[in-house]
């Protein structure tokens, strides 16, 4: 895993991901000591359009992390509606 990778996190990565999460990795926190096979990740949770919605630090089983190659393409924003004022 490297900075910029998009990760798909499910129950395989940790019990906290009952609902799967897409996550853009900033860095693998190798400066924090953990149990064998576990790792702290620093990055952004992504919404369905691939936009960052929350910065998070996550504790996961490295073996359960799925790297999305290539990352899913960001979805275009829907055009804003103009409201008429009367």
PDB file of N, CA and C in Angstrom:
ATOM      1  N   UNK A   1       0.849  -1.178   0.000  1.00  0.00           N
ATOM      2  CA  UNK A   1       0.000   0.000   0.000  1.00  0.00           C
ATOM      3  C   UNK A   1       0.895   1.241   0.000  1.00  0.00           C
ATOM      4  N   UNK A   2       0.444   2.236  -0.778  1.00  0.00           N
ATOM      5  CA  UNK A   2       1.212   3.479  -0.849  1.00  0.00           C
ATOM      6  C   UNK A   2       0.252   4.663  -0.829  1.00  0.00           C
ATOM      7  N   UNK A   3       0.785   5.830  -0.519  1.00  0.00           N
ATOM      8  CA  UNK A   3      -0.027   7.043  -0.473  1.00  0.00           C
ATOM      9  C   UNK A   3      -0.776   7.219  -1.787  1.00  0.00           C
ATOM     10  N   UNK A   4      -2.064   7.557  -1.667  1.00  0.00           N
ATOM     11  CA  UNK A   4      -2.902   7.749  -2.842  1.00  0.00           C
ATOM     12  C   UNK A   4      -3.722   6.537  -3.218  1.00  0.00           C
ATOM     13  N   UNK A   5      -3.346   5.358  -2.723  1.00  0.00           N
ATOM     14  CA  UNK A   5      -4.134   4.156  -3.015  1.00  0.00           C
ATOM     15  C   UNK A   5      -5.532   4.298  -2.435  1.00  0.00           C
ATOM     16  N   UNK A   6      -6.512   3.763  -3.154  1.00  0.00           N
ATOM     17  CA  UNK A   6      -7.874   3.697  -2.643  1.00  0.00           C
ATOM     18  C   UNK A   6      -8.083   2.281  -2.123  1.00  0.00           C
ATOM     19  N   UNK A   7      -8.514   2.192  -0.883  1.00  0.00           N
ATOM     20  CA  UNK A   7      -8.683   0.910  -0.215  1.00  0.00           C
ATOM     21  C   UNK A   7     -10.158   0.623   0.003  1.00  0.00           C
ATOM     22  N   UNK A   8     -10.535  -0.637  -0.165  1.00  0.00           N
ATOM     23  CA  UNK A   8     -11.891  -1.080   0.134  1.00  0.00           C
ATOM     24  C   UNK A   8     -11.809  -1.854   1.439  1.00  0.00           C
ATOM     25  N   UNK A   9     -12.465  -1.336   2.466  1.00  0.00           N
ATOM     26  CA  UNK A   9     -12.399  -1.937   3.798  1.00  0.00           C
ATOM     27  C   UNK A   9     -13.742  -2.581   4.142  1.00  0.00           C
ATOM     28  N   UNK A  10     -13.684  -3.864   4.493  1.00  0.00           N
ATOM     29  CA  UNK A  10     -14.875  -4.628   4.850  1.00  0.00           C
ATOM     30  C   UNK A  10     -14.609  -5.341   6.175  1.00  0.00           C
ATOM     31  N   UNK A  11     -15.504  -6.239   6.534  1.00  0.00           N
ATOM     32  CA  UNK A  11     -15.319  -7.023   7.761  1.00  0.00           C
ATOM     33  C   UNK A  11     -14.006  -7.803   7.759  1.00  0.00           C
ATOM     34  N   UNK A  12     -13.465  -8.085   6.580  1.00  0.00           N
ATOM     35  CA  UNK A  12     -12.188  -8.791   6.501  1.00  0.00           C
ATOM     36  C   UNK A  12     -11.057  -7.955   7.102  1.00  0.00           C
ATOM     37  N   UNK A  13     -11.211  -6.617   7.077  1.00  0.00           N
ATOM     38  CA  UNK A  13     -10.191  -5.717   7.618  1.00  0.00           C
ATOM     39  C   UNK A  13     -10.395  -5.442   9.105  1.00  0.00           C
ATOM     40  N   UNK A  14     -11.657  -5.398   9.545  1.00  0.00           N
ATOM     41  CA  UNK A  14     -11.958  -5.132  10.951  1.00  0.00           C
ATOM     42  C   UNK A  14     -13.465  -5.233  11.176  1.00  0.00           C
ATOM     43  N   UNK A  15     -13.862  -5.586  12.380  1.00  0.00           N
ATOM     44  CA  UNK A  15     -15.285  -5.692  12.697  1.00  0.00           C
ATOM     45  C   UNK A  15     -15.993  -4.340  12.645  1.00  0.00           C
ATOM     46  N   UNK A  16     -15.241  -3.245  12.648  1.00  0.00           N
ATOM     47  CA  UNK A  16     -15.865  -1.922  12.587  1.00  0.00           C
ATOM     48  C   UNK A  16     -16.469  -1.623  11.216  1.00  0.00           C
ATOM     49  N   UNK A  17     -16.144  -2.436  10.193  1.00  0.00           N
ATOM     50  CA  UNK A  17     -16.624  -2.167   8.839  1.00  0.00           C
ATOM     51  C   UNK A  17     -17.768  -3.090   8.443  1.00  0.00           C
ATOM     52  N   UNK A  18     -18.825  -3.084   9.270  1.00  0.00           N
ATOM     53  CA  UNK A  18     -20.052  -3.818   8.919  1.00  0.00           C
ATOM     54  C   UNK A  18     -20.575  -3.258   7.605  1.00  0.00           C
ATOM     55  N   UNK A  19     -20.522  -1.929   7.500  1.00  0.00           N
ATOM     56  CA  UNK A  19     -20.806  -1.248   6.241  1.00  0.00           C
ATOM     57  C   UNK A  19     -19.455  -0.988   5.580  1.00  0.00           C
ATOM     58  N   UNK A  20     -19.207  -1.508   4.375  1.00  0.00           N
ATOM     59  CA  UNK A  20     -17.907  -1.294   3.724  1.00  0.00           C
ATOM     60  C   UNK A  20     -17.597   0.191   3.540  1.00  0.00           C
ATOM     61  N   UNK A  21     -16.307   0.510   3.551  1.00  0.00           N
ATOM     62  CA  UNK A  21     -15.829   1.884   3.442  1.00  0.00           C
ATOM     63  C   UNK A  21     -14.763   1.954   2.350  1.00  0.00           C
ATOM     64  N   UNK A  22     -14.811   3.016   1.560  1.00  0.00           N
ATOM     65  CA  UNK A  22     -13.732   3.320   0.618  1.00  0.00           C
ATOM     66  C   UNK A  22     -12.860   4.365   1.308  1.00  0.00           C
ATOM     67  N   UNK A  23     -11.553   4.222   1.171  1.00  0.00           N
ATOM     68  CA  UNK A  23     -10.608   5.012   1.960  1.00  0.00           C
ATOM     69  C   UNK A  23      -9.400   5.354   1.099  1.00  0.00           C
ATOM     70  N   UNK A  24      -9.037   6.644   1.019  1.00  0.00           N
ATOM     71  CA  UNK A  24      -7.827   7.047   0.290  1.00  0.00           C
ATOM     72  C   UNK A  24      -6.696   7.184   1.297  1.00  0.00           C
ATOM     73  N   UNK A  25      -5.655   6.399   1.089  1.00  0.00           N
ATOM     74  CA  UNK A  25      -4.536   6.324   2.023  1.00  0.00           C
ATOM     75  C   UNK A  25      -3.615   7.538   1.920  1.00  0.00           C
ATOM     76  N   UNK A  26      -3.321   8.135   3.066  1.00  0.00           N
ATOM     77  CA  UNK A  26      -2.286   9.158   3.151  1.00  0.00           C
ATOM     78  C   UNK A  26      -0.974   8.468   3.520  1.00  0.00           C
ATOM     79  N   UNK A  27      -1.029   7.672   4.597  1.00  0.00           N
ATOM     80  CA  UNK A  27       0.173   6.933   4.980  1.00  0.00           C
ATOM     81  C   UNK A  27      -0.169   5.773   5.901  1.00  0.00           C
ATOM     82  N   UNK A  28       0.710   4.793   5.863  1.00  0.00           N
ATOM     83  CA  UNK A  28       0.686   3.639   6.751  1.00  0.00           C
ATOM     84  C   UNK A  28       1.476   4.076   7.979  1.00  0.00           C
ATOM     85  N   UNK A  29       0.840   4.088   9.150  1.00  0.00           N
ATOM     86  CA  UNK A  29       1.489   4.597  10.370  1.00  0.00           C
ATOM     87  C   UNK A  29       2.415   3.537  10.959  1.00  0.00           C
ATOM     88  N   UNK A  30       3.542   3.284  10.299  1.00  0.00           N
ATOM     89  CA  UNK A  30       4.483   2.282  10.786  1.00  0.00           C
ATOM     90  C   UNK A  30       5.247   2.750  12.022  1.00  0.00           C
ATOM     91  N   UNK A  31       5.037   4.012  12.415  1.00  0.00           N
ATOM     92  CA  UNK A  31       5.673   4.524  13.633  1.00  0.00           C
ATOM     93  C   UNK A  31       4.920   4.088  14.892  1.00  0.00           C
ATOM     94  N   UNK A  32       3.722   3.554  14.732  1.00  0.00           N
ATOM     95  CA  UNK A  32       2.931   3.065  15.865  1.00  0.00           C
ATOM     96  C   UNK A  32       3.067   1.546  15.945  1.00  0.00           C
ATOM     97  N   UNK A  33       3.398   1.043  17.108  1.00  0.00           N
ATOM     98  CA  UNK A  33       3.582  -0.393  17.289  1.00  0.00           C
ATOM     99  C   UNK A  33       2.227  -1.053  17.530  1.00  0.00           C
ATOM    100  N   UNK A  34       2.014  -2.161  16.837  1.00  0.00           N
ATOM    101  CA  UNK A  34       0.735  -2.867  16.921  1.00  0.00           C
ATOM    102  C   UNK A  34       0.976  -4.367  17.052  1.00  0.00           C
ATOM    103  N   UNK A  35      -0.119  -5.106  17.123  1.00  0.00           N
ATOM    104  CA  UNK A  35      -0.017  -6.563  17.099  1.00  0.00           C
ATOM    105  C   UNK A  35       0.402  -7.011  15.705  1.00  0.00           C
ATOM    106  N   UNK A  36       1.013  -8.178  15.628  1.00  0.00           N
ATOM    107  CA  UNK A  36       1.460  -8.720  14.350  1.00  0.00           C
ATOM    108  C   UNK A  36       0.283  -8.816  13.367  1.00  0.00           C
ATOM    109  N   UNK A  37       0.473  -8.258  12.171  1.00  0.00           N
ATOM    110  CA  UNK A  37      -0.557  -8.320  11.133  1.00  0.00           C
ATOM    111  C   UNK A  37      -1.520  -7.145  11.133  1.00  0.00           C
ATOM    112  N   UNK A  38      -1.488  -6.336  12.183  1.00  0.00           N
ATOM    113  CA  UNK A  38      -2.372  -5.166  12.278  1.00  0.00           C
ATOM    114  C   UNK A  38      -1.586  -3.903  11.948  1.00  0.00           C
ATOM    115  N   UNK A  39      -2.286  -2.866  11.481  1.00  0.00           N
ATOM    116  CA  UNK A  39      -1.621  -1.629  11.094  1.00  0.00           C
ATOM    117  C   UNK A  39      -2.572  -0.449  11.294  1.00  0.00           C
ATOM    118  N   UNK A  40      -1.997   0.708  11.603  1.00  0.00           N
ATOM    119  CA  UNK A  40      -2.752   1.964  11.654  1.00  0.00           C
ATOM    120  C   UNK A  40      -2.622   2.641  10.294  1.00  0.00           C
ATOM    121  N   UNK A  41      -3.744   3.088   9.735  1.00  0.00           N
ATOM    122  CA  UNK A  41      -3.752   3.804   8.463  1.00  0.00           C
ATOM    123  C   UNK A  41      -4.286   5.209   8.677  1.00  0.00           C
ATOM    124  N   UNK A  42      -3.691   6.172   8.014  1.00  0.00           N
ATOM    125  CA  UNK A  42      -4.125   7.563   8.073  1.00  0.00           C
ATOM    126  C   UNK A  42      -4.612   7.932   6.671  1.00  0.00           C
ATOM    127  N   UNK A  43      -5.811   8.523   6.584  1.00  0.00           N
ATOM    128  CA  UNK A  43      -6.330   8.886   5.270  1.00  0.00           C
ATOM    129  C   UNK A  43      -7.712   9.486   5.334  1.00  0.00           C
ATOM    130  N   UNK A  44      -8.408   9.414   4.208  1.00  0.00           N
ATOM    131  CA  UNK A  44      -9.734  10.018   4.078  1.00  0.00           C
ATOM    132  C   UNK A  44     -10.771   8.979   3.693  1.00  0.00           C
ATOM    133  N   UNK A  45     -11.895   8.982   4.396  1.00  0.00           N
ATOM    134  CA  UNK A  45     -13.037   8.183   3.986  1.00  0.00           C
ATOM    135  C   UNK A  45     -13.654   8.869   2.770  1.00  0.00           C
ATOM    136  N   UNK A  46     -14.052   8.070   1.789  1.00  0.00           N
ATOM    137  CA  UNK A  46     -14.604   8.609   0.553  1.00  0.00           C
ATOM    138  C   UNK A  46     -16.099   8.327   0.455  1.00  0.00           C
ATOM    139  N   UNK A  47     -16.821   9.250  -0.176  1.00  0.00           N
ATOM    140  CA  UNK A  47     -18.249   9.008  -0.421  1.00  0.00           C
ATOM    141  C   UNK A  47     -18.397   8.258  -1.746  1.00  0.00           C
ATOM    142  N   UNK A  48     -19.636   8.044  -2.179  1.00  0.00           N
ATOM    143  CA  UNK A  48     -19.890   7.262  -3.395  1.00  0.00           C
ATOM    144  C   UNK A  48     -19.367   7.945  -4.659  1.00  0.00           C
ATOM    145  N   UNK A  49     -19.086   9.234  -4.603  1.00  0.00           N
ATOM    146  CA  UNK A  49     -18.528   9.961  -5.762  1.00  0.00           C
ATOM    147  C   UNK A  49     -17.002  10.010  -5.725  1.00  0.00           C
ATOM    148  N   UNK A  50     -16.397   9.406  -4.700  1.00  0.00           N
ATOM    149  CA  UNK A  50     -14.945   9.399  -4.590  1.00  0.00           C
ATOM    150  C   UNK A  50     -14.377  10.652  -3.951  1.00  0.00           C
ATOM    151  N   UNK A  51     -15.237  11.441  -3.303  1.00  0.00           N
ATOM    152  CA  UNK A  51     -14.809  12.672  -2.638  1.00  0.00           C
ATOM    153  C   UNK A  51     -14.509  12.394  -1.167  1.00  0.00           C
ATOM    154  N   UNK A  52     -13.473  13.043  -0.653  1.00  0.00           N
ATOM    155  CA  UNK A  52     -13.124  12.890   0.760  1.00  0.00           C
ATOM    156  C   UNK A  52     -14.200  13.542   1.623  1.00  0.00           C
ATOM    157  N   UNK A  53     -14.702  12.792   2.609  1.00  0.00           N
ATOM    158  CA  UNK A  53     -15.738  13.325   3.491  1.00  0.00           C
ATOM    159  C   UNK A  53     -15.298  13.386   4.945  1.00  0.00           C
ATOM    160  N   UNK A  54     -14.263  12.628   5.317  1.00  0.00           N
ATOM    161  CA  UNK A  54     -13.801  12.649   6.711  1.00  0.00           C
ATOM    162  C   UNK A  54     -12.371  12.126   6.781  1.00  0.00           C
ATOM    163  N   UNK A  55     -11.542  12.823   7.543  1.00  0.00           N
ATOM    164  CA  UNK A  55     -10.184  12.332   7.782  1.00  0.00           C
ATOM    165  C   UNK A  55     -10.269  11.342   8.930  1.00  0.00           C
ATOM    166  N   UNK A  56      -9.597  10.186   8.762  1.00  0.00           N
ATOM    167  CA  UNK A  56      -9.686   9.142   9.779  1.00  0.00           C
ATOM    168  C   UNK A  56      -8.353   8.430   9.957  1.00  0.00           C
ATOM    169  N   UNK A  57      -8.146   7.914  11.156  1.00  0.00           N
ATOM    170  CA  UNK A  57      -7.072   6.974  11.440  1.00  0.00           C
ATOM    171  C   UNK A  57      -7.751   5.661  11.755  1.00  0.00           C
ATOM    172  N   UNK A  58      -7.367   4.613  11.042  1.00  0.00           N
ATOM    173  CA  UNK A  58      -8.041   3.322  11.179  1.00  0.00           C
ATOM    174  C   UNK A  58      -7.049   2.235  11.566  1.00  0.00           C
ATOM    175  N   UNK A  59      -7.519   1.321  12.407  1.00  0.00           N
ATOM    176  CA  UNK A  59      -6.726   0.180  12.848  1.00  0.00           C
ATOM    177  C   UNK A  59      -7.308  -1.047  12.170  1.00  0.00           C
ATOM    178  N   UNK A  60      -6.524  -1.693  11.298  1.00  0.00           N
ATOM    179  CA  UNK A  60      -7.052  -2.786  10.482  1.00  0.00           C
ATOM    180  C   UNK A  60      -6.059  -3.942  10.401  1.00  0.00           C
ATOM    181  N   UNK A  61      -6.577  -5.091   9.998  1.00  0.00           N
ATOM    182  CA  UNK A  61      -5.733  -6.241   9.675  1.00  0.00           C
ATOM    183  C   UNK A  61      -5.249  -6.035   8.241  1.00  0.00           C
ATOM    184  N   UNK A  62      -3.951  -5.918   8.070  1.00  0.00           N
ATOM    185  CA  UNK A  62      -3.380  -5.638   6.745  1.00  0.00           C
ATOM    186  C   UNK A  62      -3.870  -6.647   5.707  1.00  0.00           C
ATOM    187  N   UNK A  63      -3.947  -7.909   6.078  1.00  0.00           N
ATOM    188  CA  UNK A  63      -4.358  -8.965   5.155  1.00  0.00           C
ATOM    189  C   UNK A  63      -5.789  -8.771   4.629  1.00  0.00           C
ATOM    190  N   UNK A  64      -6.641  -8.070   5.388  1.00  0.00           N
ATOM    191  CA  UNK A  64      -8.026  -7.875   4.990  1.00  0.00           C
ATOM    192  C   UNK A  64      -8.284  -6.632   4.160  1.00  0.00           C
ATOM    193  N   UNK A  65      -7.244  -5.829   3.926  1.00  0.00           N
ATOM    194  CA  UNK A  65      -7.384  -4.590   3.154  1.00  0.00           C
ATOM    195  C   UNK A  65      -7.296  -4.916   1.665  1.00  0.00           C
ATOM    196  N   UNK A  66      -8.255  -4.413   0.903  1.00  0.00           N
ATOM    197  CA  UNK A  66      -8.260  -4.636  -0.546  1.00  0.00           C
ATOM    198  C   UNK A  66      -7.899  -3.330  -1.261  1.00  0.00           C
ATOM    199  N   UNK A  67      -6.779  -3.329  -1.978  1.00  0.00           N
ATOM    200  CA  UNK A  67      -6.354  -2.148  -2.737  1.00  0.00           C
ATOM    201  C   UNK A  67      -7.079  -2.162  -4.071  1.00  0.00           C
ATOM    202  N   UNK A  68      -7.724  -1.041  -4.395  1.00  0.00           N
ATOM    203  CA  UNK A  68      -8.469  -0.911  -5.646  1.00  0.00           C
ATOM    204  C   UNK A  68      -7.518  -0.367  -6.711  1.00  0.00           C
ATOM    205  N   UNK A  69      -7.130  -1.199  -7.673  1.00  0.00           N
ATOM    206  CA  UNK A  69      -6.243  -0.758  -8.761  1.00  0.00           C
ATOM    207  C   UNK A  69      -6.920  -0.988 -10.093  1.00  0.00           C
ATOM    208  N   UNK A  70      -7.128   0.021 -10.879  1.00  0.00           N
ATOM    209  CA  UNK A  70      -6.979   1.424 -10.535  1.00  0.00           C
ATOM    210  C   UNK A  70      -8.127   1.863  -9.635  1.00  0.00           C
ATOM    211  N   UNK A  71      -7.951   2.988  -8.923  1.00  0.00           N
ATOM    212  CA  UNK A  71      -9.038   3.458  -8.070  1.00  0.00           C
ATOM    213  C   UNK A  71     -10.270   3.782  -8.908  1.00  0.00           C
ATOM    214  N   UNK A  72     -11.468   3.651  -8.323  1.00  0.00           N
ATOM    215  CA  UNK A  72     -12.675   3.993  -9.062  1.00  0.00           C
ATOM    216  C   UNK A  72     -12.641   5.452  -9.515  1.00  0.00           C
ATOM    217  N   UNK A  73     -13.123   5.705 -10.722  1.00  0.00           N
ATOM    218  CA  UNK A  73     -13.145   7.072 -11.242  1.00  0.00           C
ATOM    219  C   UNK A  73     -14.151   7.902 -10.456  1.00  0.00           C
ATOM    220  N   UNK A  74     -13.771   9.133 -10.087  1.00  0.00           N
ATOM    221  CA  UNK A  74     -14.733  10.000  -9.396  1.00  0.00           C
ATOM    222  C   UNK A  74     -15.943  10.248 -10.285  1.00  0.00           C
ATOM    223  N   UNK A  75     -17.097  10.276  -9.684  1.00  0.00           N
ATOM    224  CA  UNK A  75     -18.326  10.504 -10.435  1.00  0.00           C
ATOM    225  C   UNK A  75     -18.561  11.994 -10.546  1.00  0.00           C
ATOM    226  N   UNK A  76     -19.034  12.443 -11.709  1.00  0.00           N
ATOM    227  CA  UNK A  76     -19.274  13.885 -11.866  1.00  0.00           C
ATOM    228  C   UNK A  76     -20.379  14.358 -10.937  1.00  0.00           C
ATOM    229  N   UNK A  77     -20.232  15.598 -10.528  1.00  0.00           N
ATOM    230  CA  UNK A  77     -21.261  16.209  -9.688  1.00  0.00           C
ATOM    231  C   UNK A  77     -22.469  16.515 -10.549  1.00  0.00           C
ATOM    232  N   UNK A  78     -23.625  16.394  -9.965  1.00  0.00           N
ATOM    233  CA  UNK A  78     -24.818  16.767 -10.720  1.00  0.00           C
ATOM    234  C   UNK A  78     -24.894  18.289 -10.774  1.00  0.00           C
ATOM    235  N   UNK A  79     -25.329  18.830 -11.920  1.00  0.00           N
ATOM    236  CA  UNK A  79     -25.390  20.298 -12.021  1.00  0.00           C
ATOM    237  C   UNK A  79     -26.358  20.873 -10.997  1.00  0.00           C
ATOM    238  N   UNK A  80     -25.980  22.025 -10.471  1.00  0.00           N
ATOM    239  CA  UNK A  80     -26.852  22.672  -9.492  1.00  0.00           C
ATOM    240  C   UNK A  80     -28.048  23.281 -10.202  1.00  0.00           C
ATOM    241  N   UNK A  81     -29.163  23.096  -9.597  1.00  0.00           N
ATOM    242  CA  UNK A  81     -30.372  23.693 -10.155  1.00  0.00           C
ATOM    243  C   UNK A  81     -30.440  25.160  -9.786  1.00  0.00           C
ATOM    244  N   UNK A  82     -30.905  25.923 -10.713  1.00  0.00           N
ATOM    245  CA  UNK A  82     -31.114  27.320 -10.408  1.00  0.00           C
ATOM    246  C   UNK A  82     -32.588  27.486 -10.042  1.00  0.00           C
ATOM    247  N   UNK A  83     -32.788  28.113  -8.941  1.00  0.00           N
ATOM    248  CA  UNK A  83     -34.175  28.342  -8.510  1.00  0.00           C
ATOM    249  C   UNK A  83     -34.589  29.744  -8.941  1.00  0.00           C
ATOM    250  N   UNK A  84     -35.787  29.825  -9.380  1.00  0.00           N
ATOM    251  CA  UNK A  84     -36.266  31.146  -9.779  1.00  0.00           C
ATOM    252  C   UNK A  84     -36.845  31.855  -8.572  1.00  0.00           C
ATOM    253  N   UNK A  85     -36.574  33.115  -8.484  1.00  0.00           N
ATOM    254  CA  UNK A  85     -37.099  33.934  -7.388  1.00  0.00           C
ATOM    255  C   UNK A  85     -38.227  34.775  -7.922  1.00  0.00           C
ATOM    256  N   UNK A  86     -39.323  34.681  -7.304  1.00  0.00           N
ATOM    257  CA  UNK A  86     -40.478  35.463  -7.752  1.00  0.00           C
ATOM    258  C   UNK A  86     -41.011  36.323  -6.646  1.00  0.00           C
TER     259      UNK A  86
END
